[in-house]
Structures are given as structure tokens and as C-alpha cells.
C-alpha atoms as a PDB file:
ATOM      1  CA  MET A   1     -86.914  33.764  18.292  1.00  0.00           C
ATOM      2  CA  THR A   2     -88.077  35.516  21.477  1.00  0.00           C
ATOM      3  CA  ILE A   3     -87.068  39.118  22.186  1.00  0.00           C
ATOM      4  CA  TYR A   4     -87.154  39.924  25.905  1.00  0.00           C
ATOM      5  CA  SER A   5     -89.271  42.975  26.746  1.00  0.00           C
ATOM      6  CA  GLU A   6     -91.225  44.441  29.629  1.00  0.00           C
ATOM      7  CA  VAL A   7     -93.779  47.221  30.135  1.00  0.00           C
ATOM      8  CA  ALA A   8     -94.712  49.271  33.194  1.00  0.00           C
ATOM      9  CA  GLY A   9     -96.652  52.418  34.041  1.00  0.00           C
ATOM     10  CA  GLU A  10     -99.588  54.282  32.547  1.00  0.00           C
ATOM     11  CA  GLY A  11     -99.730  57.368  30.347  1.00  0.00           C
ATOM     12  CA  PRO A  12     -98.098  58.520  27.102  1.00  0.00           C
ATOM     13  CA  ALA A  13     -95.822  55.803  25.755  1.00  0.00           C
ATOM     14  CA  ILE A  14     -92.010  55.832  25.890  1.00  0.00           C
ATOM     15  CA  ALA A  15     -89.761  53.112  24.454  1.00  0.00           C
ATOM     16  CA  LEU A  16     -86.219  52.851  25.797  1.00  0.00           C
ATOM     17  CA  VAL A  17     -83.637  51.395  23.384  1.00  0.00           C
ATOM     18  CA  HIS A  18     -80.249  50.499  24.846  1.00  0.00           C
ATOM     19  CA  GLN A  19     -76.671  51.134  23.756  1.00  0.00           C
ATOM     20  CA  GLY A  20     -74.447  48.536  22.096  1.00  0.00           C
ATOM     21  CA  ILE A  21     -72.305  48.252  25.225  1.00  0.00           C
ATOM     22  CA  CYS A  22     -75.314  47.552  27.447  1.00  0.00           C
ATOM     23  CA  ASP A  23     -78.699  45.888  27.558  1.00  0.00           C
ATOM     24  CA  SER A  24     -82.068  47.023  28.870  1.00  0.00           C
ATOM     25  CA  ARG A  25     -80.745  47.118  32.447  1.00  0.00           C
ATOM     26  CA  VAL A  26     -78.977  50.368  31.561  1.00  0.00           C
ATOM     27  CA  TRP A  27     -82.403  51.985  31.911  1.00  0.00           C
ATOM     28  CA  ASP A  28     -82.919  50.845  35.523  1.00  0.00           C
ATOM     29  CA  PRO A  29     -82.772  54.439  36.861  1.00  0.00           C
ATOM     30  CA  GLN A  30     -85.408  55.582  34.356  1.00  0.00           C
ATOM     31  CA  TRP A  31     -87.572  52.539  35.075  1.00  0.00           C
ATOM     32  CA  GLY A  32     -88.273  54.035  38.474  1.00  0.00           C
ATOM     33  CA  THR A  33     -88.963  57.574  37.252  1.00  0.00           C
ATOM     34  CA  PHE A  34     -90.340  57.496  33.714  1.00  0.00           C
ATOM     35  CA  THR A  35     -92.990  54.951  34.711  1.00  0.00           C
ATOM     36  CA  ARG A  36     -94.609  57.359  37.176  1.00  0.00           C
ATOM     37  CA  ASP A  37     -96.419  59.221  34.402  1.00  0.00           C
ATOM     38  CA  HIS A  38     -95.774  57.161  31.269  1.00  0.00           C
ATOM     39  CA  ARG A  39     -96.298  53.701  29.874  1.00  0.00           C
ATOM     40  CA  VAL A  40     -92.716  52.566  29.335  1.00  0.00           C
ATOM     41  CA  VAL A  41     -91.371  49.618  27.358  1.00  0.00           C
ATOM     42  CA  ARG A  42     -87.804  48.374  27.191  1.00  0.00           C
ATOM     43  CA  HIS A  43     -86.311  45.348  25.495  1.00  0.00           C
ATOM     44  CA  ASP A  44     -83.042  43.513  24.986  1.00  0.00           C
ATOM     45  CA  MET A  45     -81.932  43.555  21.375  1.00  0.00           C
ATOM     46  CA  ARG A  46     -80.795  40.248  19.880  1.00  0.00           C
ATOM     47  CA  GLY A  47     -77.482  39.211  21.360  1.00  0.00           C
ATOM     48  CA  PHE A  48     -77.912  41.299  24.500  1.00  0.00           C
ATOM     49  CA  GLY A  49     -79.152  40.571  28.008  1.00  0.00           C
ATOM     50  CA  ARG A  50     -82.014  38.086  27.898  1.00  0.00           C
ATOM     51  CA  SER A  51     -82.452  37.963  24.098  1.00  0.00           C
ATOM     52  CA  PRO A  52     -80.389  35.233  22.409  1.00  0.00           C
ATOM     53  CA  LEU A  53     -78.739  35.471  19.025  1.00  0.00           C
ATOM     54  CA  GLU A  54     -79.268  32.881  16.307  1.00  0.00           C
ATOM     55  CA  PRO A  55     -77.714  32.257  12.885  1.00  0.00           C
ATOM     56  CA  GLY A  56     -79.225  34.163   9.997  1.00  0.00           C
ATOM     57  CA  ARG A  57     -80.169  37.700   9.044  1.00  0.00           C
ATOM     58  CA  PHE A  58     -82.131  39.995  11.319  1.00  0.00           C
ATOM     59  CA  SER A  59     -83.033  43.646  11.835  1.00  0.00           C
ATOM     60  CA  HIS A  60     -82.816  45.365  15.221  1.00  0.00           C
ATOM     61  CA  ALA A  61     -85.195  48.054  13.974  1.00  0.00           C
ATOM     62  CA  ARG A  62     -87.759  45.514  12.790  1.00  0.00           C
ATOM     63  CA  ASP A  63     -87.487  43.762  16.165  1.00  0.00           C
ATOM     64  CA  LEU A  64     -88.168  47.083  17.920  1.00  0.00           C
ATOM     65  CA  LEU A  65     -91.274  47.675  15.821  1.00  0.00           C
ATOM     66  CA  ASP A  66     -92.443  44.103  16.496  1.00  0.00           C
ATOM     67  CA  VAL A  67     -92.003  44.647  20.254  1.00  0.00           C
ATOM     68  CA  LEU A  68     -94.053  47.851  20.125  1.00  0.00           C
ATOM     69  CA  ASP A  69     -96.758  46.188  18.054  1.00  0.00           C
ATOM     70  CA  GLY A  70     -96.768  43.174  20.385  1.00  0.00           C
ATOM     71  CA  HIS A  71     -97.492  45.425  23.355  1.00  0.00           C
ATOM     72  CA  GLU A  72    -100.126  47.301  21.307  1.00  0.00           C
ATOM     73  CA  ILE A  73     -98.277  50.593  21.665  1.00  0.00           C
ATOM     74  CA  GLY A  74     -99.440  53.261  19.251  1.00  0.00           C
ATOM     75  CA  ARG A  75     -97.795  56.679  19.276  1.00  0.00           C
ATOM     76  CA  VAL A  76     -94.527  56.455  21.180  1.00  0.00           C
ATOM     77  CA  ALA A  77     -91.523  58.577  22.088  1.00  0.00           C
ATOM     78  CA  LEU A  78     -88.266  56.751  21.414  1.00  0.00           C
ATOM     79  CA  VAL A  79     -85.444  57.380  23.890  1.00  0.00           C
ATOM     80  CA  ALA A  80     -82.395  55.587  22.552  1.00  0.00           C
ATOM     81  CA  GLY A  81     -78.633  55.471  23.041  1.00  0.00           C
ATOM     82  CA  SER A  82     -75.722  54.787  20.685  1.00  0.00           C
ATOM     83  CA  LEU A  83     -76.551  51.659  18.629  1.00  0.00           C
ATOM     84  CA  GLY A  84     -80.107  52.062  19.887  1.00  0.00           C
ATOM     85  CA  GLY A  85     -80.133  55.601  18.523  1.00  0.00           C
ATOM     86  CA  ARG A  86     -79.392  54.338  15.038  1.00  0.00           C
ATOM     87  CA  VAL A  87     -82.066  51.668  15.463  1.00  0.00           C
ATOM     88  CA  ALA A  88     -84.572  54.305  16.605  1.00  0.00           C
ATOM     89  CA  LEU A  89     -83.800  56.475  13.584  1.00  0.00           C
ATOM     90  CA  GLU A  90     -84.424  53.504  11.279  1.00  0.00           C
ATOM     91  CA  ALA A  91     -87.725  52.728  13.003  1.00  0.00           C
ATOM     92  CA  THR A  92     -88.753  56.388  12.766  1.00  0.00           C
ATOM     93  CA  LEU A  93     -88.108  56.548   9.037  1.00  0.00           C
ATOM     94  CA  ALA A  94     -89.807  53.197   8.449  1.00  0.00           C
ATOM     95  CA  ARG A  95     -92.926  54.089  10.513  1.00  0.00           C
ATOM     96  CA  PRO A  96     -93.028  57.878  10.891  1.00  0.00           C
ATOM     97  CA  GLN A  97     -96.648  57.878  12.017  1.00  0.00           C
ATOM     98  CA  LEU A  98     -95.682  55.795  15.061  1.00  0.00           C
ATOM     99  CA  VAL A  99     -93.066  58.089  16.590  1.00  0.00           C
ATOM    100  CA  SER A 100     -94.204  61.153  18.550  1.00  0.00           C
ATOM    101  CA  ALA A 101     -90.697  62.299  19.554  1.00  0.00           C
ATOM    102  CA  LEU A 102     -87.060  61.205  19.402  1.00  0.00           C
ATOM    103  CA  VAL A 103     -84.395  61.507  22.081  1.00  0.00           C
ATOM    104  CA  LEU A 104     -81.085  60.279  20.670  1.00  0.00           C
ATOM    105  CA  VAL A 105     -78.318  59.798  23.227  1.00  0.00           C
ATOM    106  CA  ALA A 106     -74.921  59.797  21.477  1.00  0.00           C
ATOM    107  CA  PRO A 107     -76.457  57.938  18.526  1.00  0.00           C
ATOM    108  CA  GLY A 108     -74.584  55.935  15.940  1.00  0.00           C
ATOM    109  CA  LEU A 109     -74.842  56.851  12.269  1.00  0.00           C
ATOM    110  CA  PRO A 110     -73.942  54.668   9.254  1.00  0.00           C
ATOM    111  CA  GLY A 111     -71.107  55.990   7.113  1.00  0.00           C
ATOM    112  CA  HIS A 112     -69.426  58.010   9.846  1.00  0.00           C
ATOM    113  CA  GLU A 113     -65.625  58.020   9.536  1.00  0.00           C
ATOM    114  CA  TRP A 114     -64.500  56.947  12.967  1.00  0.00           C
ATOM    115  CA  SER A 115     -61.507  58.585  14.608  1.00  0.00           C
ATOM    116  CA  GLU A 116     -58.245  56.821  15.336  1.00  0.00           C
ATOM    117  CA  GLU A 117     -59.000  56.923  19.073  1.00  0.00           C
ATOM    118  CA  VAL A 118     -62.088  54.771  18.491  1.00  0.00           C
ATOM    119  CA  THR A 119     -60.753  52.443  15.788  1.00  0.00           C
ATOM    120  CA  SER A 120     -57.596  51.690  17.764  1.00  0.00           C
ATOM    121  CA  GLY A 121     -59.755  50.744  20.743  1.00  0.00           C
ATOM    122  CA  TRP A 122     -61.825  48.450  18.550  1.00  0.00           C
ATOM    123  CA  ASP A 123     -58.625  46.827  17.247  1.00  0.00           C
ATOM    124  CA  GLU A 124     -57.377  46.215  20.791  1.00  0.00           C
ATOM    125  CA  GLU A 125     -60.741  44.819  21.806  1.00  0.00           C
ATOM    126  CA  GLU A 126     -60.831  42.483  18.798  1.00  0.00           C
ATOM    127  CA  ALA A 127     -57.326  41.208  19.548  1.00  0.00           C
ATOM    128  CA  ALA A 128     -58.341  40.437  23.128  1.00  0.00           C
ATOM    129  CA  LEU A 129     -61.472  38.619  21.972  1.00  0.00           C
ATOM    130  CA  GLU A 130     -59.491  36.564  19.462  1.00  0.00           C
ATOM    131  CA  ALA A 131     -57.179  35.578  22.311  1.00  0.00           C
ATOM    132  CA  GLY A 132     -60.187  34.531  24.387  1.00  0.00           C
ATOM    133  CA  ASP A 133     -59.500  37.248  26.970  1.00  0.00           C
ATOM    134  CA  LEU A 134     -62.964  38.631  27.707  1.00  0.00           C
ATOM    135  CA  ASP A 135     -61.809  40.484  30.816  1.00  0.00           C
ATOM    136  CA  THR A 136     -59.332  42.581  28.833  1.00  0.00           C
ATOM    137  CA  ALA A 137     -61.850  43.168  26.034  1.00  0.00           C
ATOM    138  CA  VAL A 138     -64.410  44.421  28.543  1.00  0.00           C
ATOM    139  CA  GLU A 139     -61.859  46.719  30.205  1.00  0.00           C
ATOM    140  CA  ILE A 140     -60.845  48.230  26.853  1.00  0.00           C
ATOM    141  CA  ASN A 141     -64.523  48.836  26.137  1.00  0.00           C
ATOM    142  CA  LEU A 142     -65.006  50.555  29.491  1.00  0.00           C
ATOM    143  CA  ARG A 143     -61.973  52.796  28.976  1.00  0.00           C
ATOM    144  CA  THR A 144     -63.290  53.984  25.621  1.00  0.00           C
ATOM    145  CA  TRP A 145     -66.975  54.427  26.361  1.00  0.00           C
ATOM    146  CA  VAL A 146     -67.568  54.677  30.101  1.00  0.00           C
ATOM    147  CA  ASP A 147     -64.428  56.538  31.136  1.00  0.00           C
ATOM    148  CA  GLY A 148     -64.147  58.519  27.908  1.00  0.00           C
ATOM    149  CA  PRO A 149     -60.849  59.874  26.568  1.00  0.00           C
ATOM    150  CA  ARG A 150     -60.525  62.704  29.087  1.00  0.00           C
ATOM    151  CA  ARG A 151     -61.141  60.885  32.362  1.00  0.00           C
ATOM    152  CA  ARG A 152     -59.256  58.377  34.457  1.00  0.00           C
ATOM    153  CA  PRO A 153     -61.021  55.273  35.783  1.00  0.00           C
ATOM    154  CA  GLY A 154     -60.934  56.676  39.304  1.00  0.00           C
ATOM    155  CA  GLU A 155     -63.103  59.589  38.227  1.00  0.00           C
ATOM    156  CA  VAL A 156     -65.973  57.286  37.252  1.00  0.00           C
ATOM    157  CA  ASP A 157     -68.391  55.720  39.726  1.00  0.00           C
ATOM    158  CA  PRO A 158     -67.144  52.129  40.160  1.00  0.00           C
ATOM    159  CA  GLU A 159     -70.715  50.868  40.370  1.00  0.00           C
ATOM    160  CA  VAL A 160     -71.419  52.304  36.911  1.00  0.00           C
ATOM    161  CA  ARG A 161     -68.285  50.635  35.520  1.00  0.00           C
ATOM    162  CA  GLU A 162     -69.238  47.335  37.150  1.00  0.00           C
ATOM    163  CA  LYS A 163     -72.802  47.430  35.805  1.00  0.00           C
ATOM    164  CA  VAL A 164     -71.690  48.203  32.240  1.00  0.00           C
ATOM    165  CA  ALA A 165     -68.944  45.565  32.472  1.00  0.00           C
ATOM    166  CA  GLU A 166     -71.536  42.929  33.390  1.00  0.00           C
ATOM    167  CA  MET A 167     -73.787  43.902  30.480  1.00  0.00           C
ATOM    168  CA  GLN A 168     -70.919  44.090  27.959  1.00  0.00           C
ATOM    169  CA  ARG A 169     -69.512  40.727  29.009  1.00  0.00           C
ATOM    170  CA  ARG A 170     -72.962  39.171  28.616  1.00  0.00           C
ATOM    171  CA  ALA A 171     -73.171  40.626  25.091  1.00  0.00           C
ATOM    172  CA  PHE A 172     -69.791  39.153  24.171  1.00  0.00           C
ATOM    173  CA  GLU A 173     -70.855  35.748  25.484  1.00  0.00           C
ATOM    174  CA  LEU A 174     -74.053  35.800  23.425  1.00  0.00           C
ATOM    175  CA  GLN A 175     -72.574  37.232  20.234  1.00  0.00           C
ATOM    176  CA  LEU A 176     -69.175  35.574  19.842  1.00  0.00           C
ATOM    177  CA  PRO A 177     -70.507  32.083  18.964  1.00  0.00           C
ATOM    178  CA  PHE A 178     -72.473  33.597  16.045  1.00  0.00           C
ATOM    179  CA  GLU A 179     -70.130  36.317  14.752  1.00  0.00           C
ATOM    180  CA  GLU A 180     -69.731  34.445  11.444  1.00  0.00           C
ATOM    181  CA  THR A 181     -73.319  33.236  11.033  1.00  0.00           C
ATOM    182  CA  ALA A 182     -75.588  36.051  12.270  1.00  0.00           C
ATOM    183  CA  GLU A 183     -75.871  39.292  10.312  1.00  0.00           C
ATOM    184  CA  GLU A 184     -77.881  42.421  10.948  1.00  0.00           C
ATOM    185  CA  GLU A 185     -79.417  43.943   7.844  1.00  0.00           C
ATOM    186  CA  PRO A 186     -80.651  47.532   7.970  1.00  0.00           C
ATOM    187  CA  LEU A 187     -84.351  48.214   7.768  1.00  0.00           C
ATOM    188  CA  VAL A 188     -83.507  51.584   6.187  1.00  0.00           C
ATOM    189  CA  THR A 189     -80.526  51.264   3.870  1.00  0.00           C
ATOM    190  CA  ASP A 190     -79.958  54.982   3.234  1.00  0.00           C
ATOM    191  CA  LEU A 191     -80.377  56.291   6.768  1.00  0.00           C
ATOM    192  CA  ALA A 192     -77.581  58.879   6.701  1.00  0.00           C
ATOM    193  CA  ALA A 193     -78.936  60.402   3.503  1.00  0.00           C
ATOM    194  CA  ARG A 194     -82.484  60.654   4.867  1.00  0.00           C
ATOM    195  CA  LEU A 195     -82.001  62.602   8.101  1.00  0.00           C
ATOM    196  CA  GLY A 196     -83.928  65.456   6.509  1.00  0.00           C
ATOM    197  CA  ASP A 197     -86.978  63.181   6.280  1.00  0.00           C
ATOM    198  CA  VAL A 198     -87.282  62.824  10.071  1.00  0.00           C
ATOM    199  CA  THR A 199     -90.410  64.725  11.117  1.00  0.00           C
ATOM    200  CA  ALA A 200     -90.587  63.828  14.817  1.00  0.00           C
ATOM    201  CA  PRO A 201     -89.402  66.473  17.309  1.00  0.00           C
ATOM    202  CA  THR A 202     -85.810  65.456  18.036  1.00  0.00           C
ATOM    203  CA  LEU A 203     -83.379  66.056  20.898  1.00  0.00           C
ATOM    204  CA  VAL A 204     -79.773  64.861  20.654  1.00  0.00           C
ATOM    205  CA  VAL A 205     -77.968  64.396  23.985  1.00  0.00           C
ATOM    206  CA  VAL A 206     -74.225  63.839  24.388  1.00  0.00           C
ATOM    207  CA  GLY A 207     -72.099  63.414  27.495  1.00  0.00           C
ATOM    208  CA  GLU A 208     -69.414  66.083  27.557  1.00  0.00           C
ATOM    209  CA  GLU A 209     -66.724  63.458  28.228  1.00  0.00           C
ATOM    210  CA  ASP A 210     -67.755  61.187  25.348  1.00  0.00           C
ATOM    211  CA  VAL A 211     -65.424  60.557  22.395  1.00  0.00           C
ATOM    212  CA  SER A 212     -65.181  63.274  19.749  1.00  0.00           C
ATOM    213  CA  ASP A 213     -67.020  61.112  17.207  1.00  0.00           C
ATOM    214  CA  MET A 214     -70.250  61.265  19.194  1.00  0.00           C
ATOM    215  CA  HIS A 215     -70.106  65.057  19.304  1.00  0.00           C
ATOM    216  CA  ALA A 216     -69.496  65.160  15.539  1.00  0.00           C
ATOM    217  CA  ILE A 217     -72.434  62.839  14.839  1.00  0.00           C
ATOM    218  CA  ALA A 218     -74.655  64.891  17.141  1.00  0.00           C
ATOM    219  CA  ASP A 219     -73.699  68.065  15.282  1.00  0.00           C
ATOM    220  CA  ARG A 220     -74.550  66.463  11.940  1.00  0.00           C
ATOM    221  CA  ILE A 221     -77.935  65.183  13.093  1.00  0.00           C
ATOM    222  CA  VAL A 222     -78.849  68.566  14.567  1.00  0.00           C
ATOM    223  CA  ALA A 223     -77.824  70.236  11.313  1.00  0.00           C
ATOM    224  CA  GLU A 224     -79.829  67.875   9.090  1.00  0.00           C
ATOM    225  CA  VAL A 225     -82.921  66.844  11.089  1.00  0.00           C
ATOM    226  CA  PRO A 226     -85.454  69.679  10.822  1.00  0.00           C
ATOM    227  CA  GLY A 227     -85.821  71.525  14.119  1.00  0.00           C
ATOM    228  CA  ALA A 228     -83.563  69.164  16.069  1.00  0.00           C
ATOM    229  CA  LYS A 229     -82.105  70.410  19.355  1.00  0.00           C
ATOM    230  CA  ARG A 230     -78.812  69.512  21.043  1.00  0.00           C
ATOM    231  CA  ALA A 231     -77.981  69.216  24.743  1.00  0.00           C
ATOM    232  CA  SER A 232     -75.016  67.967  26.732  1.00  0.00           C
ATOM    233  CA  ILE A 233     -74.571  66.573  30.224  1.00  0.00           C
ATOM    234  CA  ALA A 234     -71.391  67.397  32.118  1.00  0.00           C
ATOM    235  CA  ALA A 235     -69.166  64.859  33.873  1.00  0.00           C
ATOM    236  CA  THR A 236     -70.415  61.875  31.899  1.00  0.00           C
ATOM    237  CA  ALA A 237     -69.424  59.944  28.775  1.00  0.00           C
ATOM    238  CA  HIS A 238     -71.439  57.415  26.762  1.00  0.00           C
ATOM    239  CA  VAL A 239     -74.062  56.392  29.349  1.00  0.00           C
ATOM    240  CA  PRO A 240     -75.300  59.695  30.810  1.00  0.00           C
ATOM    241  CA  ASN A 241     -78.627  58.175  31.831  1.00  0.00           C
ATOM    242  CA  LEU A 242     -76.728  55.804  34.139  1.00  0.00           C
ATOM    243  CA  GLU A 243     -74.076  58.228  35.390  1.00  0.00           C
ATOM    244  CA  ARG A 244     -76.251  61.310  35.862  1.00  0.00           C
ATOM    245  CA  PRO A 245     -79.825  59.980  36.007  1.00  0.00           C
ATOM    246  CA  ALA A 246     -81.408  63.002  37.712  1.00  0.00           C
ATOM    247  CA  GLU A 247     -80.033  65.436  35.124  1.00  0.00           C
ATOM    248  CA  PHE A 248     -80.881  63.058  32.300  1.00  0.00           C
ATOM    249  CA  ASP A 249     -84.453  62.574  33.499  1.00  0.00           C
ATOM    250  CA  GLU A 250     -85.068  66.296  33.900  1.00  0.00           C
ATOM    251  CA  LEU A 251     -83.737  66.994  30.425  1.00  0.00           C
ATOM    252  CA  VAL A 252     -85.599  64.206  28.636  1.00  0.00           C
ATOM    253  CA  LEU A 253     -88.919  64.440  30.465  1.00  0.00           C
ATOM    254  CA  GLY A 254     -88.866  68.198  30.047  1.00  0.00           C
ATOM    255  CA  PHE A 255     -88.373  67.838  26.312  1.00  0.00           C
ATOM    256  CA  LEU A 256     -91.137  65.249  26.011  1.00  0.00           C
ATOM    257  CA  ALA A 257     -93.511  67.488  27.979  1.00  0.00           C
ATOM    258  CA  GLU A 258     -92.750  70.377  25.625  1.00  0.00           C
ATOM    259  CA  THR A 259     -93.427  68.283  22.541  1.00  0.00           C
ATOM    260  CA  SER A 260     -96.502  66.406  23.735  1.00  0.00           C
END
């Protein structure tokens, strides 16, 4: 099994871990800025972008650690969104000596009770997928995560919607054939109960237009991870690094400079 990854730049190491609606291309804006003063690695998780999915059990967090080890990256700051945020938290708890800082962008968290606005969207998406209608499933996904509940599609940059749509459709195409035979198993089984064990300096970032669940999860992580800070980016939902890259870069690079 080959996990796609790439490295560029020189300096302190940063690993970029993508959201569950995207693949590593979501970090294209940061690939041109973070690499000026950092050694940066990004990868496609299994079932996303250029990394295939196969039958059997796997761990996204273990794959991340294998990618970092394969590129001989020692201390590293993890900048991770949504699903990737949960993966980064697992990797941090599994190898605390590896992680110099954490930037969690609207991270997922096991055990969270999802709101009706999110679960109803997932139900609609699943119905579309069962009917073989990938276009509708992708559009439902975009409405929930890219537009957010408080914006209309016309308020969102169409190029951002198009880029996420391409990445999400690719994920569906890779994952659907193996939805019954491939299973992710957590590297850290009690993640939600161990937030207090995170020792890396942590910043949690949420787009102001993201669903209420992501704000609630951010509040919990900030309350339970020692010393964690919270920040928000206006006029963006679940992919602030893609919608507002200049503001995102200033916020994240500033935090990493403070904690280095």
C-alpha cells in the first residue's frame, strides 16, 4: 500500500493533514507560502486523492506517522483540518515527543453528539450515494461544509466550491467500492478522554460560518487541552485555509513562530 506524499522547503518542519472532504490539494495555497521558511510535508490519506483504498483494517494516524518517518522528519508542527485534526490528535498522543505544536482547524472528535443539521445532511448524502447520484451527494456536501448553514452558494467563491467538489468526488470514487471491506481503526482508542494529556502548544481555528458542531468541539478542546488557544476566521466555513489563505497563513505562521 503506497501513501502519496511530497516534501518541499527547508527549515522547521510542518506537516499538513487534510480534511475529510478534501485531499492534500486543499493545501495548495500554503504550499507556496509555508515552504518559504519551513520544510513542509503533505500527504493523501487512504481513499483520498492519489492514495488508494484497499480491503482490510488501517489507521490514518499510523499512516501519518509512517509518512513522517519515511521522510526522516523529527520534531514537527501538525497543521490539520477536520478529519485530519482528529488524526493529528491521535498521532500527538501516540508520539508526543514528535510534535512541536498543533494547529487544529475545525477538528473532529470521537464521541461528539452531532446536531440535526449535520446528521440530516449526512442522511441526504447517503441516500444520493445509494442511488448512484454522485453529483447530488457532492452538492449536499458542499452546502453543509463549504457554504455553511448561514451562507448561500452565491456568497462563496465558485473556484473554491469547484476545487472541493473535485476532491470530494474523487474521495467518493475511491471509497465507495470498499465501504464494506475497509475499516479504519483508531490508533488511540480513548482520544476524547485524553485531551488533557496533550502537551504540545495548541491553536484551534474555526471558520465563523462553519456548522455549530465545529464551534462546540473547538470550545471543548480549548477547555481541556492545557494552554490551548482559540481563533476564528470571518467569512469562511470548513476550509478557511482555502477561502481566506492570507488570513490563515498569518494566523498559523504567527502562532508557530511564537511557539518555536
